[in-house]
Amino acid sequence: MSKLNLSYSGYVCAPYLHNRDSLELKEIWTSSRNIEKLFFVTGTFSGDSQPYFSTSANHYLLAKFKDNSTVEKELSKHIQEKTSFLFNVHDSLFEREVLGETNFISIYYLEYGDDDDDLQEIAGLLLKREKIEIAGIGNMSTLCSISSKFTFPYSKNMVIIEVASEKSHQSVKKYCDQTQRDVNRKGFTLSNLLSLSILDQLK
């Protein structure tokens, strides 16, 4: 029996280093039918996650893709000395229209693999936050030419949210921090991995 390879939609963060690899990826993704949206973003890692990703960058190309296998092939040809992140979304919690443009994407991890009932409760808590337009559960893989000293232990339990707002990135970051506290008050252990402030939409 051949193993069926499932394809996932999701997000990819490739470091933007003003070098050939960065420029080639930007060109490929701008013209790719697989890429729904492409942003230029600033990435801020939380204090807890930073030690795992010492080869992180400040600026990234953030692409929202339809099929992870295509993106994986493209990334593997452009491995850089700063870490690239691939977030495969295997469960969409919800998607809705909200006022304002997408200007912030926050990525969290659950320290414990929660069951379906727990995920439904988390989805319900996120739904109450009116600026969140998309929320999903997935896993993370990384790619870097320099091997990491530590293995990130929670890569199978990622929670990704897209936030739409006309307010400043600092204001939206506080909004996301409050959202995280609301979830944790209910007994879940949701920790911030990475905050992505959208500076420019390229596609």
N, C-alpha and C. Protein backbone atom coordinates (compact mmCIF):
# COMPACT_ATOMS: atom_id res chain seq x y z
N MET A 1 0.85 -1.20 0.00
CA MET A 1 0.00 0.00 0.00
C MET A 1 0.88 1.25 0.00
N SER A 2 0.62 2.12 -0.93
CA SER A 2 1.39 3.37 -0.94
C SER A 2 0.79 4.34 0.06
N LYS A 3 1.65 5.09 0.71
CA LYS A 3 1.19 6.04 1.73
C LYS A 3 0.62 7.27 1.04
N LEU A 4 -0.57 7.67 1.46
CA LEU A 4 -1.22 8.85 0.88
C LEU A 4 -0.65 10.10 1.54
N ASN A 5 -0.08 10.97 0.73
CA ASN A 5 0.46 12.23 1.25
C ASN A 5 -0.60 13.31 1.17
N LEU A 6 -1.03 13.78 2.33
CA LEU A 6 -2.03 14.83 2.37
C LEU A 6 -1.36 16.18 2.14
N SER A 7 -2.04 17.06 1.44
CA SER A 7 -1.50 18.40 1.27
C SER A 7 -2.25 19.36 2.20
N TYR A 8 -1.54 20.35 2.69
CA TYR A 8 -2.12 21.30 3.63
C TYR A 8 -1.91 22.72 3.13
N SER A 9 -2.83 23.57 3.50
CA SER A 9 -2.61 25.00 3.30
C SER A 9 -1.90 25.53 4.55
N GLY A 10 -1.45 26.78 4.49
CA GLY A 10 -0.78 27.33 5.67
C GLY A 10 0.02 28.56 5.35
N TYR A 11 1.08 28.76 6.12
CA TYR A 11 1.90 29.96 6.01
C TYR A 11 3.38 29.57 5.98
N VAL A 12 4.16 30.34 5.24
CA VAL A 12 5.60 30.14 5.24
C VAL A 12 6.28 31.48 5.49
N CYS A 13 7.27 31.45 6.36
CA CYS A 13 8.08 32.63 6.70
C CYS A 13 9.50 32.38 6.25
N ALA A 14 9.94 33.11 5.23
CA ALA A 14 11.32 32.98 4.76
C ALA A 14 12.07 34.27 5.08
N PRO A 15 13.27 34.17 5.65
CA PRO A 15 14.00 35.39 6.00
C PRO A 15 14.28 36.25 4.78
N TYR A 16 14.09 37.55 4.92
CA TYR A 16 14.37 38.46 3.82
C TYR A 16 15.69 39.14 4.10
N LEU A 17 16.72 38.68 3.40
CA LEU A 17 18.10 39.10 3.70
C LEU A 17 18.72 39.94 2.58
N HIS A 18 17.90 40.38 1.62
CA HIS A 18 18.40 41.19 0.49
C HIS A 18 19.50 40.47 -0.30
N ASN A 19 19.40 39.15 -0.34
CA ASN A 19 20.36 38.36 -1.12
C ASN A 19 19.64 37.66 -2.28
N ARG A 20 20.35 36.87 -3.04
CA ARG A 20 19.77 36.23 -4.22
C ARG A 20 18.62 35.30 -3.85
N ASP A 21 18.82 34.50 -2.79
CA ASP A 21 17.77 33.56 -2.38
C ASP A 21 16.47 34.28 -2.02
N SER A 22 16.60 35.36 -1.25
CA SER A 22 15.40 36.13 -0.86
C SER A 22 14.70 36.71 -2.08
N LEU A 23 15.48 37.28 -2.99
CA LEU A 23 14.90 37.92 -4.17
C LEU A 23 14.25 36.89 -5.10
N GLU A 24 14.88 35.72 -5.22
CA GLU A 24 14.31 34.67 -6.08
C GLU A 24 13.00 34.15 -5.50
N LEU A 25 12.97 33.93 -4.18
CA LEU A 25 11.73 33.46 -3.55
C LEU A 25 10.62 34.49 -3.72
N LYS A 26 10.97 35.76 -3.56
CA LYS A 26 9.97 36.82 -3.73
C LYS A 26 9.39 36.78 -5.14
N GLU A 27 10.24 36.61 -6.14
CA GLU A 27 9.77 36.55 -7.54
C GLU A 27 8.89 35.32 -7.78
N ILE A 28 9.35 34.17 -7.27
CA ILE A 28 8.60 32.92 -7.45
C ILE A 28 7.21 33.04 -6.82
N TRP A 29 7.16 33.53 -5.58
CA TRP A 29 5.90 33.58 -4.85
C TRP A 29 4.97 34.67 -5.36
N THR A 30 5.53 35.74 -5.91
CA THR A 30 4.68 36.80 -6.45
C THR A 30 3.88 36.29 -7.65
N SER A 31 4.50 35.42 -8.44
CA SER A 31 3.83 34.93 -9.65
C SER A 31 3.17 33.55 -9.47
N SER A 32 3.33 32.94 -8.30
CA SER A 32 2.83 31.58 -8.09
C SER A 32 1.32 31.55 -7.82
N ARG A 33 0.63 30.64 -8.49
CA ARG A 33 -0.81 30.45 -8.23
C ARG A 33 -1.04 29.79 -6.87
N ASN A 34 -0.02 29.15 -6.35
CA ASN A 34 -0.12 28.48 -5.06
C ASN A 34 -0.13 29.48 -3.90
N ILE A 35 0.35 30.68 -4.14
CA ILE A 35 0.45 31.69 -3.08
C ILE A 35 -0.76 32.63 -3.16
N GLU A 36 -1.57 32.62 -2.09
CA GLU A 36 -2.76 33.47 -2.05
C GLU A 36 -2.41 34.91 -1.71
N LYS A 37 -1.55 35.06 -0.71
CA LYS A 37 -1.15 36.40 -0.26
C LYS A 37 0.33 36.39 0.05
N LEU A 38 0.98 37.53 -0.15
CA LEU A 38 2.41 37.65 0.15
C LEU A 38 2.63 38.99 0.85
N PHE A 39 3.32 38.92 2.00
CA PHE A 39 3.55 40.11 2.81
C PHE A 39 5.04 40.27 3.11
N PHE A 40 5.43 41.50 3.38
CA PHE A 40 6.74 41.80 3.95
C PHE A 40 6.47 42.13 5.41
N VAL A 41 7.11 41.40 6.34
CA VAL A 41 6.76 41.52 7.76
C VAL A 41 8.01 41.65 8.65
N THR A 42 7.77 42.17 9.85
CA THR A 42 8.76 42.13 10.91
C THR A 42 8.38 41.00 11.86
N GLY A 43 9.34 40.17 12.22
CA GLY A 43 9.07 39.06 13.13
C GLY A 43 9.66 39.32 14.50
N THR A 44 8.85 39.13 15.55
CA THR A 44 9.32 39.28 16.93
C THR A 44 9.07 37.98 17.68
N PHE A 45 10.14 37.37 18.16
CA PHE A 45 10.02 36.11 18.90
C PHE A 45 9.84 36.39 20.38
N SER A 46 9.05 35.56 21.03
CA SER A 46 8.87 35.71 22.47
C SER A 46 10.15 35.30 23.20
N GLY A 47 10.29 35.76 24.42
CA GLY A 47 11.47 35.42 25.22
C GLY A 47 11.63 33.93 25.41
N ASP A 48 10.49 33.21 25.52
CA ASP A 48 10.54 31.76 25.74
C ASP A 48 10.99 31.00 24.50
N SER A 49 10.63 31.51 23.32
CA SER A 49 10.95 30.75 22.10
C SER A 49 12.29 31.15 21.48
N GLN A 50 12.79 32.32 21.83
CA GLN A 50 14.01 32.83 21.21
C GLN A 50 15.22 31.89 21.31
N PRO A 51 15.46 31.26 22.48
CA PRO A 51 16.63 30.37 22.58
C PRO A 51 16.64 29.23 21.57
N TYR A 52 15.45 28.81 21.13
CA TYR A 52 15.37 27.71 20.16
C TYR A 52 15.72 28.17 18.75
N PHE A 53 15.60 29.48 18.50
CA PHE A 53 15.78 29.98 17.14
C PHE A 53 16.77 31.13 17.13
N SER A 54 18.00 30.81 17.50
CA SER A 54 19.05 31.83 17.56
C SER A 54 19.39 32.34 16.16
N THR A 55 19.02 31.56 15.12
CA THR A 55 19.30 31.98 13.74
C THR A 55 18.07 32.64 13.11
N SER A 56 17.26 33.29 13.93
CA SER A 56 16.08 33.96 13.38
C SER A 56 16.49 35.29 12.76
N ALA A 57 15.60 35.84 11.93
CA ALA A 57 15.86 37.13 11.27
C ALA A 57 14.88 38.17 11.80
N ASN A 58 15.07 39.42 11.39
CA ASN A 58 14.14 40.49 11.77
C ASN A 58 13.02 40.65 10.76
N HIS A 59 13.37 40.48 9.49
CA HIS A 59 12.37 40.67 8.43
C HIS A 59 12.17 39.38 7.63
N TYR A 60 10.90 39.17 7.26
CA TYR A 60 10.54 37.94 6.54
C TYR A 60 9.61 38.22 5.37
N LEU A 61 9.66 37.33 4.40
CA LEU A 61 8.59 37.21 3.43
C LEU A 61 7.60 36.24 4.05
N LEU A 62 6.37 36.65 4.17
CA LEU A 62 5.32 35.79 4.72
C LEU A 62 4.32 35.48 3.61
N ALA A 63 4.22 34.21 3.25
CA ALA A 63 3.32 33.80 2.18
C ALA A 63 2.25 32.88 2.73
N LYS A 64 1.04 33.11 2.25
CA LYS A 64 -0.07 32.22 2.60
C LYS A 64 -0.28 31.29 1.41
N PHE A 65 -0.09 29.99 1.62
CA PHE A 65 -0.10 29.05 0.49
C PHE A 65 -1.29 28.09 0.54
N LYS A 66 -1.54 27.47 -0.63
CA LYS A 66 -2.63 26.49 -0.75
C LYS A 66 -2.13 25.06 -0.56
N ASP A 67 -0.89 24.80 -1.02
CA ASP A 67 -0.35 23.43 -1.02
C ASP A 67 1.08 23.44 -0.48
N ASN A 68 1.27 22.78 0.65
CA ASN A 68 2.58 22.82 1.32
C ASN A 68 3.68 22.11 0.54
N SER A 69 3.34 21.09 -0.25
CA SER A 69 4.39 20.32 -0.94
C SER A 69 5.15 21.20 -1.94
N THR A 70 4.42 22.09 -2.62
CA THR A 70 5.05 23.00 -3.58
C THR A 70 5.99 23.96 -2.87
N VAL A 71 5.52 24.51 -1.76
CA VAL A 71 6.32 25.47 -0.99
C VAL A 71 7.57 24.80 -0.42
N GLU A 72 7.43 23.57 0.06
CA GLU A 72 8.57 22.84 0.62
C GLU A 72 9.68 22.67 -0.43
N LYS A 73 9.27 22.35 -1.67
CA LYS A 73 10.26 22.19 -2.75
C LYS A 73 10.98 23.51 -3.02
N GLU A 74 10.20 24.61 -3.05
CA GLU A 74 10.78 25.93 -3.33
C GLU A 74 11.74 26.35 -2.21
N LEU A 75 11.33 26.10 -0.98
CA LEU A 75 12.18 26.46 0.17
C LEU A 75 13.47 25.65 0.18
N SER A 76 13.37 24.36 -0.15
CA SER A 76 14.54 23.48 -0.08
C SER A 76 15.64 23.90 -1.08
N LYS A 77 15.23 24.65 -2.11
CA LYS A 77 16.22 25.15 -3.08
C LYS A 77 16.81 26.50 -2.64
N HIS A 78 16.27 27.06 -1.57
CA HIS A 78 16.72 28.38 -1.10
C HIS A 78 16.94 28.34 0.42
N ILE A 79 17.74 27.36 0.86
CA ILE A 79 18.04 27.25 2.30
C ILE A 79 19.05 28.34 2.67
N GLN A 80 18.73 29.08 3.74
CA GLN A 80 19.58 30.20 4.13
C GLN A 80 20.16 30.00 5.54
N GLU A 81 21.03 30.91 5.92
CA GLU A 81 21.65 30.79 7.25
C GLU A 81 20.76 31.33 8.37
N LYS A 82 19.64 31.92 7.98
CA LYS A 82 18.60 32.30 8.93
C LYS A 82 17.43 31.34 8.75
N THR A 83 16.74 31.02 9.82
CA THR A 83 15.71 29.97 9.80
C THR A 83 14.47 30.38 9.01
N SER A 84 13.98 29.46 8.18
CA SER A 84 12.67 29.58 7.54
C SER A 84 11.67 28.73 8.31
N PHE A 85 10.44 29.19 8.37
CA PHE A 85 9.40 28.49 9.14
C PHE A 85 8.24 28.14 8.23
N LEU A 86 7.79 26.89 8.34
CA LEU A 86 6.65 26.42 7.57
C LEU A 86 5.56 25.99 8.55
N PHE A 87 4.39 26.61 8.44
CA PHE A 87 3.26 26.29 9.32
C PHE A 87 2.15 25.67 8.48
N ASN A 88 1.96 24.35 8.64
CA ASN A 88 0.89 23.65 7.94
C ASN A 88 -0.37 23.67 8.80
N VAL A 89 -1.45 24.20 8.28
CA VAL A 89 -2.71 24.27 9.03
C VAL A 89 -3.54 23.04 8.68
N HIS A 90 -3.71 22.12 9.66
CA HIS A 90 -4.49 20.92 9.36
C HIS A 90 -5.93 21.01 9.86
N ASP A 91 -6.24 21.99 10.70
CA ASP A 91 -7.62 22.21 11.15
C ASP A 91 -7.90 23.70 11.20
N SER A 92 -8.87 24.12 10.40
CA SER A 92 -9.31 25.52 10.46
C SER A 92 -10.32 25.64 11.59
N LEU A 93 -10.08 26.55 12.53
CA LEU A 93 -11.03 26.75 13.63
C LEU A 93 -12.19 27.62 13.16
N PHE A 94 -11.88 28.69 12.44
CA PHE A 94 -12.92 29.52 11.82
C PHE A 94 -12.28 30.52 10.87
N GLU A 95 -13.12 31.07 10.00
CA GLU A 95 -12.71 32.13 9.08
C GLU A 95 -13.92 33.01 8.88
N ARG A 96 -13.75 34.32 9.03
CA ARG A 96 -14.88 35.24 8.91
C ARG A 96 -14.39 36.60 8.45
N GLU A 97 -15.31 37.41 8.00
CA GLU A 97 -14.94 38.76 7.58
C GLU A 97 -15.03 39.70 8.78
N VAL A 98 -14.00 40.52 8.95
CA VAL A 98 -14.01 41.53 10.00
C VAL A 98 -13.59 42.86 9.40
N LEU A 99 -13.87 43.93 10.13
CA LEU A 99 -13.52 45.27 9.64
C LEU A 99 -12.00 45.47 9.67
N GLY A 100 -11.50 46.17 8.67
CA GLY A 100 -10.06 46.48 8.65
C GLY A 100 -9.27 45.50 7.81
N GLU A 101 -8.02 45.88 7.54
CA GLU A 101 -7.09 45.05 6.77
C GLU A 101 -6.28 44.16 7.71
N THR A 102 -5.90 42.98 7.22
CA THR A 102 -5.00 42.12 8.00
C THR A 102 -3.70 42.88 8.24
N ASN A 103 -3.33 43.07 9.51
CA ASN A 103 -2.05 43.76 9.75
C ASN A 103 -1.18 43.05 10.79
N PHE A 104 -1.63 41.88 11.25
CA PHE A 104 -0.87 41.19 12.29
C PHE A 104 -1.21 39.70 12.26
N ILE A 105 -0.19 38.87 12.36
CA ILE A 105 -0.40 37.43 12.48
C ILE A 105 0.38 36.95 13.70
N SER A 106 -0.33 36.29 14.60
CA SER A 106 0.30 35.83 15.84
C SER A 106 0.30 34.31 15.86
N ILE A 107 1.45 33.75 16.22
CA ILE A 107 1.60 32.30 16.21
C ILE A 107 1.93 31.83 17.63
N TYR A 108 1.12 30.89 18.10
CA TYR A 108 1.24 30.37 19.47
C TYR A 108 1.50 28.86 19.42
N TYR A 109 1.81 28.32 20.59
CA TYR A 109 1.88 26.86 20.70
C TYR A 109 1.22 26.44 22.01
N LEU A 110 0.58 25.28 21.94
CA LEU A 110 -0.01 24.67 23.14
C LEU A 110 1.03 23.74 23.73
N GLU A 111 1.27 23.87 25.02
CA GLU A 111 2.31 23.03 25.64
C GLU A 111 1.84 21.61 25.84
N TYR A 112 0.55 21.39 25.70
CA TYR A 112 0.01 20.03 25.82
C TYR A 112 -0.89 19.80 24.62
N GLY A 113 -0.81 18.61 24.02
CA GLY A 113 -1.67 18.28 22.90
C GLY A 113 -3.10 18.13 23.38
N ASP A 114 -3.93 19.11 23.10
CA ASP A 114 -5.29 19.09 23.63
C ASP A 114 -6.23 18.31 22.73
N ASP A 115 -7.31 17.76 23.33
CA ASP A 115 -8.25 16.95 22.55
C ASP A 115 -9.26 17.86 21.84
N ASP A 116 -10.16 17.23 21.07
CA ASP A 116 -11.10 18.00 20.24
C ASP A 116 -11.99 18.93 21.07
N ASP A 117 -12.43 18.46 22.23
CA ASP A 117 -13.29 19.30 23.09
C ASP A 117 -12.54 20.56 23.52
N ASP A 118 -11.27 20.37 23.87
CA ASP A 118 -10.45 21.52 24.28
C ASP A 118 -10.28 22.50 23.13
N LEU A 119 -10.02 21.96 21.94
CA LEU A 119 -9.82 22.82 20.77
C LEU A 119 -11.09 23.59 20.43
N GLN A 120 -12.24 22.93 20.62
CA GLN A 120 -13.51 23.62 20.38
C GLN A 120 -13.69 24.77 21.38
N GLU A 121 -13.29 24.53 22.61
CA GLU A 121 -13.40 25.58 23.63
C GLU A 121 -12.46 26.75 23.30
N ILE A 122 -11.24 26.41 22.87
CA ILE A 122 -10.28 27.46 22.48
C ILE A 122 -10.84 28.26 21.29
N ALA A 123 -11.41 27.54 20.31
CA ALA A 123 -12.01 28.21 19.14
C ALA A 123 -13.11 29.17 19.58
N GLY A 124 -13.91 28.74 20.55
CA GLY A 124 -14.99 29.58 21.07
C GLY A 124 -14.46 30.84 21.74
N LEU A 125 -13.36 30.70 22.47
CA LEU A 125 -12.74 31.86 23.13
C LEU A 125 -12.18 32.83 22.09
N LEU A 126 -11.54 32.29 21.04
CA LEU A 126 -10.98 33.15 20.00
C LEU A 126 -12.08 33.85 19.20
N LEU A 127 -13.21 33.16 19.01
CA LEU A 127 -14.34 33.74 18.27
C LEU A 127 -14.87 35.00 18.96
N LYS A 128 -14.77 35.04 20.27
CA LYS A 128 -15.27 36.20 21.02
C LYS A 128 -14.44 37.45 20.78
N ARG A 129 -13.23 37.25 20.26
CA ARG A 129 -12.34 38.40 19.99
C ARG A 129 -12.62 38.88 18.57
N GLU A 130 -13.32 40.00 18.45
CA GLU A 130 -13.91 40.39 17.17
C GLU A 130 -12.92 40.79 16.08
N LYS A 131 -11.66 41.04 16.45
CA LYS A 131 -10.68 41.44 15.43
C LYS A 131 -9.98 40.24 14.77
N ILE A 132 -10.19 39.05 15.33
CA ILE A 132 -9.56 37.84 14.74
C ILE A 132 -10.41 37.37 13.57
N GLU A 133 -9.80 37.35 12.37
CA GLU A 133 -10.56 36.94 11.19
C GLU A 133 -10.35 35.47 10.84
N ILE A 134 -9.18 34.94 11.15
CA ILE A 134 -8.88 33.54 10.83
C ILE A 134 -8.12 32.91 12.00
N ALA A 135 -8.48 31.68 12.34
CA ALA A 135 -7.74 30.93 13.36
C ALA A 135 -7.62 29.48 12.91
N GLY A 136 -6.45 28.90 13.12
CA GLY A 136 -6.24 27.51 12.70
C GLY A 136 -5.24 26.80 13.61
N ILE A 137 -5.27 25.48 13.55
CA ILE A 137 -4.36 24.62 14.33
C ILE A 137 -3.46 23.89 13.34
N GLY A 138 -2.19 23.78 13.66
CA GLY A 138 -1.31 23.08 12.74
C GLY A 138 0.01 22.66 13.35
N ASN A 139 0.97 22.39 12.48
CA ASN A 139 2.30 22.01 12.95
C ASN A 139 3.34 22.89 12.28
N MET A 140 4.54 22.82 12.79
CA MET A 140 5.61 23.68 12.28
C MET A 140 6.83 22.84 11.91
N SER A 141 7.46 23.20 10.80
CA SER A 141 8.78 22.65 10.49
C SER A 141 9.69 23.82 10.14
N THR A 142 10.99 23.61 10.29
CA THR A 142 11.95 24.70 10.04
C THR A 142 13.03 24.22 9.07
N LEU A 143 13.67 25.20 8.45
CA LEU A 143 14.73 24.91 7.48
C LEU A 143 15.83 25.95 7.66
N CYS A 144 17.06 25.48 7.83
CA CYS A 144 18.17 26.42 8.03
C CYS A 144 19.48 25.71 7.68
N SER A 145 20.43 26.45 7.14
CA SER A 145 21.72 25.84 6.79
C SER A 145 22.58 25.62 8.03
N ILE A 146 22.22 26.29 9.13
CA ILE A 146 22.94 26.10 10.40
C ILE A 146 22.03 25.32 11.34
N SER A 147 22.51 24.19 11.84
CA SER A 147 21.66 23.36 12.70
C SER A 147 21.46 24.02 14.07
N SER A 148 20.25 23.84 14.59
CA SER A 148 19.90 24.45 15.87
C SER A 148 20.47 23.64 17.03
N LYS A 149 20.83 24.35 18.11
CA LYS A 149 21.36 23.66 19.30
C LYS A 149 20.26 22.92 20.04
N PHE A 150 19.05 23.47 20.00
CA PHE A 150 17.94 22.89 20.75
C PHE A 150 16.79 22.58 19.79
N THR A 151 16.08 21.49 20.10
CA THR A 151 14.90 21.13 19.31
C THR A 151 13.66 21.72 19.97
N PHE A 152 12.88 22.46 19.21
CA PHE A 152 11.66 23.05 19.76
C PHE A 152 10.65 21.93 20.01
N PRO A 153 10.16 21.77 21.26
CA PRO A 153 9.38 20.57 21.60
C PRO A 153 7.88 20.64 21.29
N TYR A 154 7.38 21.78 20.87
CA TYR A 154 5.92 21.93 20.72
C TYR A 154 5.48 22.17 19.28
N SER A 155 6.28 21.71 18.33
CA SER A 155 6.02 22.05 16.92
C SER A 155 4.76 21.39 16.35
N LYS A 156 4.18 20.42 17.07
CA LYS A 156 2.97 19.75 16.56
C LYS A 156 1.69 20.44 17.02
N ASN A 157 1.83 21.41 17.91
CA ASN A 157 0.63 22.03 18.51
C ASN A 157 0.60 23.54 18.31
N MET A 158 0.62 23.97 17.06
CA MET A 158 0.65 25.40 16.77
C MET A 158 -0.76 25.96 16.59
N VAL A 159 -0.95 27.17 17.07
CA VAL A 159 -2.21 27.90 16.87
C VAL A 159 -1.87 29.20 16.15
N ILE A 160 -2.50 29.44 15.01
CA ILE A 160 -2.18 30.62 14.19
C ILE A 160 -3.42 31.48 14.05
N ILE A 161 -3.28 32.78 14.32
CA ILE A 161 -4.42 33.69 14.14
C ILE A 161 -4.02 34.87 13.25
N GLU A 162 -4.97 35.29 12.44
CA GLU A 162 -4.82 36.51 11.63
C GLU A 162 -5.70 37.58 12.24
N VAL A 163 -5.15 38.76 12.44
CA VAL A 163 -5.89 39.85 13.06
C VAL A 163 -6.00 41.01 12.08
N ALA A 164 -7.20 41.57 11.97
CA ALA A 164 -7.43 42.73 11.11
C ALA A 164 -7.72 43.93 11.98
N SER A 165 -7.00 45.01 11.75
CA SER A 165 -7.18 46.22 12.55
C SER A 165 -6.54 47.40 11.85
N GLU A 166 -7.07 48.58 12.09
CA GLU A 166 -6.47 49.81 11.56
C GLU A 166 -5.51 50.41 12.58
N LYS A 167 -5.45 49.80 13.76
CA LYS A 167 -4.61 50.36 14.83
C LYS A 167 -3.14 49.98 14.65
N SER A 168 -2.28 50.55 15.49
CA SER A 168 -0.84 50.30 15.38
C SER A 168 -0.50 48.85 15.73
N HIS A 169 0.68 48.42 15.28
CA HIS A 169 1.12 47.06 15.59
C HIS A 169 1.26 46.85 17.10
N GLN A 170 1.71 47.90 17.81
CA GLN A 170 1.85 47.78 19.27
C GLN A 170 0.49 47.54 19.92
N SER A 171 -0.51 48.26 19.42
CA SER A 171 -1.87 48.13 19.95
C SER A 171 -2.43 46.73 19.68
N VAL A 172 -2.18 46.21 18.46
CA VAL A 172 -2.68 44.88 18.11
C VAL A 172 -1.93 43.80 18.89
N LYS A 173 -0.65 44.03 19.14
CA LYS A 173 0.13 43.08 19.95
C LYS A 173 -0.47 42.97 21.35
N LYS A 174 -0.86 44.11 21.93
CA LYS A 174 -1.50 44.10 23.26
C LYS A 174 -2.84 43.35 23.21
N TYR A 175 -3.55 43.54 22.11
CA TYR A 175 -4.83 42.84 21.91
C TYR A 175 -4.61 41.32 21.88
N CYS A 176 -3.57 40.89 21.18
CA CYS A 176 -3.24 39.46 21.10
C CYS A 176 -2.77 38.92 22.45
N ASP A 177 -2.01 39.74 23.19
CA ASP A 177 -1.56 39.32 24.52
C ASP A 177 -2.76 39.10 25.45
N GLN A 178 -3.75 39.99 25.34
CA GLN A 178 -4.96 39.84 26.16
C GLN A 178 -5.73 38.59 25.75
N THR A 179 -5.78 38.33 24.45
CA THR A 179 -6.44 37.12 23.94
C THR A 179 -5.78 35.87 24.53
N GLN A 180 -4.45 35.87 24.54
CA GLN A 180 -3.69 34.75 25.10
C GLN A 180 -4.01 34.56 26.58
N ARG A 181 -4.08 35.67 27.32
CA ARG A 181 -4.40 35.59 28.76
C ARG A 181 -5.82 35.03 28.97
N ASP A 182 -6.75 35.44 28.11
CA ASP A 182 -8.12 34.94 28.23
C ASP A 182 -8.17 33.42 28.06
N VAL A 183 -7.40 32.91 27.10
CA VAL A 183 -7.36 31.46 26.87
C VAL A 183 -6.71 30.75 28.05
N ASN A 184 -5.61 31.30 28.54
CA ASN A 184 -4.87 30.67 29.65
C ASN A 184 -5.68 30.67 30.95
N ARG A 185 -6.53 31.68 31.12
CA ARG A 185 -7.38 31.75 32.32
C ARG A 185 -8.34 30.57 32.40
N LYS A 186 -8.64 29.99 31.24
CA LYS A 186 -9.56 28.85 31.18
C LYS A 186 -8.83 27.53 31.41
N GLY A 187 -7.54 27.60 31.73
CA GLY A 187 -6.80 26.39 32.08
C GLY A 187 -5.95 25.79 30.98
N PHE A 188 -5.84 26.50 29.84
CA PHE A 188 -4.97 26.02 28.76
C PHE A 188 -3.60 26.68 28.87
N THR A 189 -2.60 26.04 28.29
CA THR A 189 -1.25 26.62 28.31
C THR A 189 -0.89 27.04 26.89
N LEU A 190 -1.32 28.25 26.55
CA LEU A 190 -1.07 28.81 25.23
C LEU A 190 0.06 29.83 25.34
N SER A 191 1.16 29.59 24.63
CA SER A 191 2.33 30.46 24.71
C SER A 191 2.64 31.07 23.36
N ASN A 192 3.13 32.29 23.37
CA ASN A 192 3.45 32.97 22.12
C ASN A 192 4.79 32.49 21.57
N LEU A 193 4.82 32.19 20.29
CA LEU A 193 6.06 31.83 19.60
C LEU A 193 6.60 33.03 18.84
N LEU A 194 5.73 33.62 18.01
CA LEU A 194 6.19 34.60 17.03
C LEU A 194 5.06 35.55 16.69
N SER A 195 5.38 36.84 16.68
CA SER A 195 4.44 37.87 16.26
C SER A 195 4.92 38.48 14.96
N LEU A 196 4.04 38.56 13.98
CA LEU A 196 4.41 39.05 12.65
C LEU A 196 3.62 40.32 12.35
N SER A 197 4.33 41.44 12.30
CA SER A 197 3.70 42.73 11.98
C SER A 197 3.82 42.96 10.47
N ILE A 198 2.68 43.13 9.81
CA ILE A 198 2.70 43.30 8.36
C ILE A 198 3.05 44.73 8.00
N LEU A 199 4.16 44.87 7.25
CA LEU A 199 4.63 46.19 6.83
C LEU A 199 4.13 46.55 5.44
N ASP A 200 4.00 45.52 4.58
CA ASP A 200 3.61 45.79 3.20
C ASP A 200 3.00 44.53 2.60
N GLN A 201 1.94 44.69 1.81
CA GLN A 201 1.36 43.55 1.09
C GLN A 201 1.94 43.55 -0.32
N LEU A 202 2.61 42.45 -0.68
CA LEU A 202 3.27 42.33 -1.97
C LEU A 202 2.40 41.63 -3.01
N LYS A 203 1.38 40.94 -2.52
CA LYS A 203 0.45 40.24 -3.44
C LYS A 203 -0.90 40.10 -2.76
